[in-house]
Amino acid sequence: MNLKKHIPNLITLGNLFCGTVATIFAVEGDFVYAGLFVVLGILFDFFDGFAARLLHVSGELGKQLDSLADMVTSGVVPGIIVYKLLIANNSGLTDFNEQSYVPYLGLLLTLGACYRLAKFNIDTRQSDSFIGLPTPAMSLFIISLPLIQEYSTVAFAQELIASNYFLIAVTLILTYLMNAELPLFSLKFKDYSFKKNIIVYSFLFASLILIYTLHFLSIPFIIILYIIISLIKKIIVFNGSSQNSPE
């Protein structure tokens, strides 16, 4: 039995375990630990691919297992968190409680993540980059919201997250972005040269500055920055190819 080829899958199962634990904490309304285990799950999700490349092992099983684990960590958990936030908030819309149907709109994130992950598995265009917002990015955006509401000193951000109109708008936008034909750069490295990875290194450096200055509030800004840089890159590449193409 070749144990080496199973190491990436074991790491993927670590992602699934973290996602399952995060789900329990999210249902209980403990968003700090839910967020912590989501982040741990996303780290496992990163390192399973890293291990597969390092060990030169890959297969259809690992690909499917990875998406199934992501479905829990970056699909189920964000939907539950928005569901719980919509129930807990009392501004923006009235009569929000466990008997209302409106909080279930948060689960659109779960449906959108499921559709994206299924599409990702059969989309051969997404080997070196992404088309649509990756589910871990969406998940990080969502888990930051209750943490900002609880720990941020920026009153405007707290008031915004306390608005159910805002939460529903965020849910709809992120659900769309996950499945939009939007090209986004990948954080995967083929090599570590600065010249070939200048966009990734610049993004990571800017992200560190945002985290240092804004703490939890930095996470939504980092996701937005990720989308903006990707769009700028697309425009530059498009303009470059247009200028080089024969008339």
C-alpha atoms as a PDB file:
ATOM      1  CA  MET A   1       0.000   0.000   0.000  1.00  0.00           C
ATOM      2  CA  ASN A   2       1.434   3.359  -1.054  1.00  0.00           C
ATOM      3  CA  LEU A   3       0.855   5.634   1.944  1.00  0.00           C
ATOM      4  CA  LYS A   4       2.403   8.637   0.202  1.00  0.00           C
ATOM      5  CA  LYS A   5      -0.496   9.083  -2.192  1.00  0.00           C
ATOM      6  CA  HIS A   6      -2.962   9.230   0.722  1.00  0.00           C
ATOM      7  CA  ILE A   7      -1.228  12.073   2.596  1.00  0.00           C
ATOM      8  CA  PRO A   8      -2.965  14.885   0.629  1.00  0.00           C
ATOM      9  CA  ASN A   9      -6.333  13.180   1.158  1.00  0.00           C
ATOM     10  CA  LEU A  10      -5.706  12.968   4.910  1.00  0.00           C
ATOM     11  CA  ILE A  11      -4.967  16.691   4.930  1.00  0.00           C
ATOM     12  CA  THR A  12      -8.210  17.268   3.006  1.00  0.00           C
ATOM     13  CA  LEU A  13     -10.068  15.295   5.665  1.00  0.00           C
ATOM     14  CA  GLY A  14      -8.521  17.684   8.189  1.00  0.00           C
ATOM     15  CA  ASN A  15     -10.301  20.460   6.290  1.00  0.00           C
ATOM     16  CA  LEU A  16     -13.569  18.538   6.513  1.00  0.00           C
ATOM     17  CA  PHE A  17     -13.093  17.934  10.246  1.00  0.00           C
ATOM     18  CA  CYS A  18     -12.494  21.651  10.861  1.00  0.00           C
ATOM     19  CA  GLY A  19     -15.529  22.536   8.755  1.00  0.00           C
ATOM     20  CA  THR A  20     -17.715  20.133  10.714  1.00  0.00           C
ATOM     21  CA  VAL A  21     -16.545  21.561  14.053  1.00  0.00           C
ATOM     22  CA  ALA A  22     -17.044  25.104  12.696  1.00  0.00           C
ATOM     23  CA  THR A  23     -20.601  24.149  11.736  1.00  0.00           C
ATOM     24  CA  ILE A  24     -21.344  23.088  15.318  1.00  0.00           C
ATOM     25  CA  PHE A  25     -19.984  26.358  16.712  1.00  0.00           C
ATOM     26  CA  ALA A  26     -21.873  28.395  14.092  1.00  0.00           C
ATOM     27  CA  VAL A  27     -25.163  26.717  15.014  1.00  0.00           C
ATOM     28  CA  GLU A  28     -24.450  27.490  18.663  1.00  0.00           C
ATOM     29  CA  GLY A  29     -23.731  31.124  17.798  1.00  0.00           C
ATOM     30  CA  ASP A  30     -20.082  30.960  18.820  1.00  0.00           C
ATOM     31  CA  PHE A  31     -18.702  32.859  15.838  1.00  0.00           C
ATOM     32  CA  VAL A  32     -15.187  33.239  17.220  1.00  0.00           C
ATOM     33  CA  TYR A  33     -14.515  29.507  17.313  1.00  0.00           C
ATOM     34  CA  ALA A  34     -16.516  28.977  14.128  1.00  0.00           C
ATOM     35  CA  GLY A  35     -14.246  31.483  12.393  1.00  0.00           C
ATOM     36  CA  LEU A  36     -11.134  29.926  13.904  1.00  0.00           C
ATOM     37  CA  PHE A  37     -11.975  26.462  12.596  1.00  0.00           C
ATOM     38  CA  VAL A  38     -12.936  27.841   9.180  1.00  0.00           C
ATOM     39  CA  VAL A  39      -9.500  29.474   8.925  1.00  0.00           C
ATOM     40  CA  LEU A  40      -7.845  26.210  10.002  1.00  0.00           C
ATOM     41  CA  GLY A  41      -9.900  24.353   7.398  1.00  0.00           C
ATOM     42  CA  ILE A  42      -8.848  26.793   4.674  1.00  0.00           C
ATOM     43  CA  LEU A  43      -5.204  26.268   5.685  1.00  0.00           C
ATOM     44  CA  PHE A  44      -5.690  22.503   5.322  1.00  0.00           C
ATOM     45  CA  ASP A  45      -7.303  23.191   1.942  1.00  0.00           C
ATOM     46  CA  PHE A  46      -4.198  25.092   0.851  1.00  0.00           C
ATOM     47  CA  PHE A  47      -1.726  22.531   2.112  1.00  0.00           C
ATOM     48  CA  ASP A  48      -3.448  19.478   0.633  1.00  0.00           C
ATOM     49  CA  GLY A  49      -2.762  20.857  -2.837  1.00  0.00           C
ATOM     50  CA  PHE A  50       0.743  21.852  -1.799  1.00  0.00           C
ATOM     51  CA  ALA A  51       1.383  18.325  -0.500  1.00  0.00           C
ATOM     52  CA  ALA A  52      -0.019  16.772  -3.674  1.00  0.00           C
ATOM     53  CA  ARG A  53       2.348  18.836  -5.822  1.00  0.00           C
ATOM     54  CA  LEU A  54       5.296  18.183  -3.508  1.00  0.00           C
ATOM     55  CA  LEU A  55       4.712  14.427  -3.472  1.00  0.00           C
ATOM     56  CA  HIS A  56       3.752  14.316  -7.167  1.00  0.00           C
ATOM     57  CA  VAL A  57       0.466  12.573  -6.453  1.00  0.00           C
ATOM     58  CA  SER A  58      -2.924  13.496  -7.832  1.00  0.00           C
ATOM     59  CA  GLY A  59      -6.144  11.813  -8.763  1.00  0.00           C
ATOM     60  CA  GLU A  60      -9.855  12.185  -9.260  1.00  0.00           C
ATOM     61  CA  LEU A  61     -10.554  11.031  -5.693  1.00  0.00           C
ATOM     62  CA  GLY A  62      -8.541  13.900  -4.230  1.00  0.00           C
ATOM     63  CA  LYS A  63     -10.273  16.402  -6.496  1.00  0.00           C
ATOM     64  CA  GLN A  64     -13.742  15.284  -5.469  1.00  0.00           C
ATOM     65  CA  LEU A  65     -12.795  14.966  -1.799  1.00  0.00           C
ATOM     66  CA  ASP A  66     -11.407  18.507  -1.829  1.00  0.00           C
ATOM     67  CA  SER A  67     -14.672  19.963  -3.137  1.00  0.00           C
ATOM     68  CA  LEU A  68     -16.760  17.981  -0.656  1.00  0.00           C
ATOM     69  CA  ALA A  69     -14.650  19.256   2.244  1.00  0.00           C
ATOM     70  CA  ASP A  70     -14.836  22.830   0.915  1.00  0.00           C
ATOM     71  CA  MET A  71     -18.597  22.494   0.679  1.00  0.00           C
ATOM     72  CA  VAL A  72     -18.776  22.160   4.459  1.00  0.00           C
ATOM     73  CA  THR A  73     -16.038  24.592   5.512  1.00  0.00           C
ATOM     74  CA  SER A  74     -16.706  27.286   2.917  1.00  0.00           C
ATOM     75  CA  GLY A  75     -20.306  26.537   2.000  1.00  0.00           C
ATOM     76  CA  VAL A  76     -22.389  25.346   4.918  1.00  0.00           C
ATOM     77  CA  VAL A  77     -20.717  27.441   7.639  1.00  0.00           C
ATOM     78  CA  PRO A  78     -21.086  30.869   5.910  1.00  0.00           C
ATOM     79  CA  GLY A  79     -24.754  30.167   5.185  1.00  0.00           C
ATOM     80  CA  ILE A  80     -25.423  29.319   8.827  1.00  0.00           C
ATOM     81  CA  ILE A  81     -23.555  32.414  10.046  1.00  0.00           C
ATOM     82  CA  VAL A  82     -25.625  34.766   7.872  1.00  0.00           C
ATOM     83  CA  TYR A  83     -28.787  32.912   8.913  1.00  0.00           C
ATOM     84  CA  LYS A  84     -27.911  33.451  12.579  1.00  0.00           C
ATOM     85  CA  LEU A  85     -26.967  37.096  12.032  1.00  0.00           C
ATOM     86  CA  LEU A  86     -30.245  37.820  10.255  1.00  0.00           C
ATOM     87  CA  ILE A  87     -32.144  36.385  13.214  1.00  0.00           C
ATOM     88  CA  ALA A  88     -30.042  38.208  15.798  1.00  0.00           C
ATOM     89  CA  ASN A  89     -30.216  41.639  14.125  1.00  0.00           C
ATOM     90  CA  ASN A  90     -33.173  43.866  14.757  1.00  0.00           C
ATOM     91  CA  SER A  91     -32.517  46.679  12.288  1.00  0.00           C
ATOM     92  CA  GLY A  92     -33.217  47.006   8.602  1.00  0.00           C
ATOM     93  CA  LEU A  93     -36.219  44.683   8.478  1.00  0.00           C
ATOM     94  CA  THR A  94     -38.823  43.898  11.113  1.00  0.00           C
ATOM     95  CA  ASP A  95     -40.142  40.681  12.610  1.00  0.00           C
ATOM     96  CA  PHE A  96     -36.913  38.743  12.135  1.00  0.00           C
ATOM     97  CA  ASN A  97     -37.046  35.658  14.283  1.00  0.00           C
ATOM     98  CA  GLU A  98     -36.739  31.909  13.968  1.00  0.00           C
ATOM     99  CA  GLN A  99     -40.278  31.716  12.580  1.00  0.00           C
ATOM    100  CA  SER A 100     -39.487  34.126   9.736  1.00  0.00           C
ATOM    101  CA  TYR A 101     -38.579  32.809   6.311  1.00  0.00           C
ATOM    102  CA  VAL A 102     -36.260  35.702   5.455  1.00  0.00           C
ATOM    103  CA  PRO A 103     -33.186  34.494   7.437  1.00  0.00           C
ATOM    104  CA  TYR A 104     -33.093  31.447   5.186  1.00  0.00           C
ATOM    105  CA  LEU A 105     -31.872  33.780   2.449  1.00  0.00           C
ATOM    106  CA  GLY A 106     -28.461  33.403   4.087  1.00  0.00           C
ATOM    107  CA  LEU A 107     -28.409  29.820   2.837  1.00  0.00           C
ATOM    108  CA  LEU A 108     -28.187  31.131  -0.719  1.00  0.00           C
ATOM    109  CA  LEU A 109     -24.459  31.286   0.017  1.00  0.00           C
ATOM    110  CA  THR A 110     -24.488  27.551   0.640  1.00  0.00           C
ATOM    111  CA  LEU A 111     -26.349  26.877  -2.605  1.00  0.00           C
ATOM    112  CA  GLY A 112     -24.072  29.214  -4.549  1.00  0.00           C
ATOM    113  CA  ALA A 113     -20.965  27.564  -3.089  1.00  0.00           C
ATOM    114  CA  CYS A 114     -22.265  24.108  -3.990  1.00  0.00           C
ATOM    115  CA  TYR A 115     -22.962  25.147  -7.572  1.00  0.00           C
ATOM    116  CA  ARG A 116     -19.552  26.796  -7.894  1.00  0.00           C
ATOM    117  CA  LEU A 117     -17.666  23.782  -6.517  1.00  0.00           C
ATOM    118  CA  ALA A 118     -19.495  21.410  -8.853  1.00  0.00           C
ATOM    119  CA  LYS A 119     -18.793  23.695 -11.810  1.00  0.00           C
ATOM    120  CA  PHE A 120     -15.153  24.066 -10.753  1.00  0.00           C
ATOM    121  CA  ASN A 121     -14.643  20.287 -10.912  1.00  0.00           C
ATOM    122  CA  ILE A 122     -15.579  20.128 -14.580  1.00  0.00           C
ATOM    123  CA  ASP A 123     -14.175  23.488 -15.714  1.00  0.00           C
ATOM    124  CA  THR A 124     -10.772  22.909 -17.323  1.00  0.00           C
ATOM    125  CA  ARG A 125     -10.145  26.663 -17.571  1.00  0.00           C
ATOM    126  CA  GLN A 126      -9.451  26.973 -13.831  1.00  0.00           C
ATOM    127  CA  SER A 127      -6.165  25.117 -13.525  1.00  0.00           C
ATOM    128  CA  ASP A 128      -3.900  28.164 -13.035  1.00  0.00           C
ATOM    129  CA  SER A 129      -6.438  30.839 -12.128  1.00  0.00           C
ATOM    130  CA  PHE A 130     -10.049  31.166 -10.996  1.00  0.00           C
ATOM    131  CA  ILE A 131     -13.233  32.155 -12.747  1.00  0.00           C
ATOM    132  CA  GLY A 132     -15.566  33.499 -10.113  1.00  0.00           C
ATOM    133  CA  LEU A 133     -14.833  34.190  -6.465  1.00  0.00           C
ATOM    134  CA  PRO A 134     -13.343  31.106  -4.740  1.00  0.00           C
ATOM    135  CA  THR A 135     -15.471  29.735  -1.911  1.00  0.00           C
ATOM    136  CA  PRO A 136     -12.721  30.189   0.737  1.00  0.00           C
ATOM    137  CA  ALA A 137     -12.588  33.921  -0.094  1.00  0.00           C
ATOM    138  CA  MET A 138     -16.357  34.174   0.297  1.00  0.00           C
ATOM    139  CA  SER A 139     -16.170  32.245   3.560  1.00  0.00           C
ATOM    140  CA  LEU A 140     -13.470  34.526   4.991  1.00  0.00           C
ATOM    141  CA  PHE A 141     -15.581  37.556   4.089  1.00  0.00           C
ATOM    142  CA  ILE A 142     -18.603  36.141   5.926  1.00  0.00           C
ATOM    143  CA  ILE A 143     -16.856  34.905   9.081  1.00  0.00           C
ATOM    144  CA  SER A 144     -15.336  38.365   9.520  1.00  0.00           C
ATOM    145  CA  LEU A 145     -18.752  40.061   9.798  1.00  0.00           C
ATOM    146  CA  PRO A 146     -19.758  38.928  13.317  1.00  0.00           C
ATOM    147  CA  LEU A 147     -16.178  39.465  14.502  1.00  0.00           C
ATOM    148  CA  ILE A 148     -16.210  43.036  13.183  1.00  0.00           C
ATOM    149  CA  GLN A 149     -19.575  43.581  14.829  1.00  0.00           C
ATOM    150  CA  GLU A 150     -18.243  42.311  18.154  1.00  0.00           C
ATOM    151  CA  TYR A 151     -14.679  43.616  18.271  1.00  0.00           C
ATOM    152  CA  SER A 152     -14.275  46.493  15.811  1.00  0.00           C
ATOM    153  CA  THR A 153     -14.146  50.027  17.193  1.00  0.00           C
ATOM    154  CA  VAL A 154     -15.514  51.444  13.933  1.00  0.00           C
ATOM    155  CA  ALA A 155     -19.105  52.302  14.768  1.00  0.00           C
ATOM    156  CA  PHE A 156     -20.163  52.676  11.139  1.00  0.00           C
ATOM    157  CA  ALA A 157     -19.023  49.122  10.321  1.00  0.00           C
ATOM    158  CA  GLN A 158     -20.905  47.744  13.325  1.00  0.00           C
ATOM    159  CA  GLU A 159     -24.085  49.589  12.345  1.00  0.00           C
ATOM    160  CA  LEU A 160     -23.774  48.395   8.759  1.00  0.00           C
ATOM    161  CA  ILE A 161     -23.497  44.749   9.761  1.00  0.00           C
ATOM    162  CA  ALA A 162     -26.435  45.211  12.123  1.00  0.00           C
ATOM    163  CA  SER A 163     -28.585  46.062   9.098  1.00  0.00           C
ATOM    164  CA  ASN A 164     -30.353  43.099   7.572  1.00  0.00           C
ATOM    165  CA  TYR A 165     -30.630  44.956   4.284  1.00  0.00           C
ATOM    166  CA  PHE A 166     -26.824  45.008   4.178  1.00  0.00           C
ATOM    167  CA  LEU A 167     -26.537  41.311   5.036  1.00  0.00           C
ATOM    168  CA  ILE A 168     -29.016  40.315   2.349  1.00  0.00           C
ATOM    169  CA  ALA A 169     -27.224  42.517  -0.205  1.00  0.00           C
ATOM    170  CA  VAL A 170     -23.867  40.936   0.719  1.00  0.00           C
ATOM    171  CA  THR A 171     -25.401  37.461   0.419  1.00  0.00           C
ATOM    172  CA  LEU A 172     -26.774  38.152  -3.054  1.00  0.00           C
ATOM    173  CA  ILE A 173     -23.571  39.817  -4.296  1.00  0.00           C
ATOM    174  CA  LEU A 174     -21.258  37.068  -3.027  1.00  0.00           C
ATOM    175  CA  THR A 175     -23.533  34.340  -4.378  1.00  0.00           C
ATOM    176  CA  TYR A 176     -23.381  36.011  -7.785  1.00  0.00           C
ATOM    177  CA  LEU A 177     -19.612  36.611  -7.665  1.00  0.00           C
ATOM    178  CA  MET A 178     -18.888  32.945  -6.914  1.00  0.00           C
ATOM    179  CA  ASN A 179     -20.528  31.921 -10.166  1.00  0.00           C
ATOM    180  CA  ALA A 180     -19.802  34.955 -12.352  1.00  0.00           C
ATOM    181  CA  GLU A 181     -17.520  34.781 -15.402  1.00  0.00           C
ATOM    182  CA  LEU A 182     -14.992  36.855 -13.504  1.00  0.00           C
ATOM    183  CA  PRO A 183     -11.308  35.937 -13.976  1.00  0.00           C
ATOM    184  CA  LEU A 184      -9.348  36.106 -10.710  1.00  0.00           C
ATOM    185  CA  PHE A 185      -5.666  35.374 -10.163  1.00  0.00           C
ATOM    186  CA  SER A 186      -4.595  32.394  -8.096  1.00  0.00           C
ATOM    187  CA  LEU A 187      -2.342  32.493  -5.026  1.00  0.00           C
ATOM    188  CA  LYS A 188      -0.656  29.254  -6.088  1.00  0.00           C
ATOM    189  CA  PHE A 189       3.055  29.520  -6.857  1.00  0.00           C
ATOM    190  CA  LYS A 190       4.723  27.635  -9.708  1.00  0.00           C
ATOM    191  CA  ASP A 191       7.992  29.230  -8.630  1.00  0.00           C
ATOM    192  CA  TYR A 192       8.847  31.938  -6.106  1.00  0.00           C
ATOM    193  CA  SER A 193      10.511  34.539  -8.341  1.00  0.00           C
ATOM    194  CA  PHE A 194       9.343  38.088  -7.687  1.00  0.00           C
ATOM    195  CA  LYS A 195       9.127  39.007 -11.357  1.00  0.00           C
ATOM    196  CA  LYS A 196       6.717  36.207 -12.265  1.00  0.00           C
ATOM    197  CA  ASN A 197       4.636  36.658  -9.102  1.00  0.00           C
ATOM    198  CA  ILE A 198       4.684  40.421  -8.673  1.00  0.00           C
ATOM    199  CA  ILE A 199       0.884  40.643  -8.496  1.00  0.00           C
ATOM    200  CA  VAL A 200       0.634  37.931  -5.847  1.00  0.00           C
ATOM    201  CA  TYR A 201       3.469  39.369  -3.748  1.00  0.00           C
ATOM    202  CA  SER A 202       2.024  42.888  -4.005  1.00  0.00           C
ATOM    203  CA  PHE A 203      -1.380  41.613  -2.955  1.00  0.00           C
ATOM    204  CA  LEU A 204       0.041  39.696   0.009  1.00  0.00           C
ATOM    205  CA  PHE A 205       2.076  42.724   1.129  1.00  0.00           C
ATOM    206  CA  ALA A 206      -0.959  45.016   0.916  1.00  0.00           C
ATOM    207  CA  SER A 207      -3.007  42.408   2.807  1.00  0.00           C
ATOM    208  CA  LEU A 208      -0.476  42.325   5.652  1.00  0.00           C
ATOM    209  CA  ILE A 209      -0.635  46.105   5.955  1.00  0.00           C
ATOM    210  CA  LEU A 210      -4.433  46.018   6.046  1.00  0.00           C
ATOM    211  CA  ILE A 211      -4.456  43.266   8.679  1.00  0.00           C
ATOM    212  CA  TYR A 212      -1.969  45.195  10.832  1.00  0.00           C
ATOM    213  CA  THR A 213      -3.955  48.427  10.653  1.00  0.00           C
ATOM    214  CA  LEU A 214      -7.591  47.266  10.505  1.00  0.00           C
ATOM    215  CA  HIS A 215      -7.540  43.815  12.155  1.00  0.00           C
ATOM    216  CA  PHE A 216     -10.862  41.974  11.529  1.00  0.00           C
ATOM    217  CA  LEU A 217     -12.146  44.897   9.458  1.00  0.00           C
ATOM    218  CA  SER A 218      -9.327  44.247   6.990  1.00  0.00           C
ATOM    219  CA  ILE A 219     -10.788  40.950   5.752  1.00  0.00           C
ATOM    220  CA  PRO A 220     -13.643  42.362   3.608  1.00  0.00           C
ATOM    221  CA  PHE A 221     -11.270  44.996   2.239  1.00  0.00           C
ATOM    222  CA  ILE A 222      -8.736  42.304   1.313  1.00  0.00           C
ATOM    223  CA  ILE A 223     -11.383  40.332  -0.598  1.00  0.00           C
ATOM    224  CA  ILE A 224     -12.512  43.504  -2.389  1.00  0.00           C
ATOM    225  CA  LEU A 225      -8.865  44.361  -3.164  1.00  0.00           C
ATOM    226  CA  TYR A 226      -8.391  40.853  -4.570  1.00  0.00           C
ATOM    227  CA  ILE A 227     -11.278  41.387  -6.983  1.00  0.00           C
ATOM    228  CA  ILE A 228     -10.121  44.890  -7.993  1.00  0.00           C
ATOM    229  CA  ILE A 229      -6.523  43.775  -8.689  1.00  0.00           C
ATOM    230  CA  SER A 230      -7.833  40.863 -10.766  1.00  0.00           C
ATOM    231  CA  LEU A 231     -10.011  43.224 -12.823  1.00  0.00           C
ATOM    232  CA  ILE A 232      -7.090  45.613 -13.357  1.00  0.00           C
ATOM    233  CA  LYS A 233      -4.911  42.688 -14.458  1.00  0.00           C
ATOM    234  CA  LYS A 234      -7.604  41.586 -16.897  1.00  0.00           C
ATOM    235  CA  ILE A 235      -7.839  45.089 -18.384  1.00  0.00           C
ATOM    236  CA  ILE A 236      -4.048  45.354 -18.755  1.00  0.00           C
ATOM    237  CA  VAL A 237      -3.802  41.927 -20.400  1.00  0.00           C
ATOM    238  CA  PHE A 238      -6.738  42.707 -22.694  1.00  0.00           C
ATOM    239  CA  ASN A 239      -5.301  46.068 -23.755  1.00  0.00           C
ATOM    240  CA  GLY A 240      -1.891  44.475 -24.304  1.00  0.00           C
ATOM    241  CA  SER A 241      -3.293  41.718 -26.493  1.00  0.00           C
ATOM    242  CA  SER A 242      -5.403  44.240 -28.442  1.00  0.00           C
ATOM    243  CA  GLN A 243      -2.378  46.378 -29.220  1.00  0.00           C
ATOM    244  CA  ASN A 244      -0.310  43.382 -30.321  1.00  0.00           C
ATOM    245  CA  SER A 245      -2.986  41.829 -32.509  1.00  0.00           C
ATOM    246  CA  PRO A 246      -2.770  42.479 -36.276  1.00  0.00           C
ATOM    247  CA  GLU A 247      -5.417  44.703 -37.842  1.00  0.00           C
END
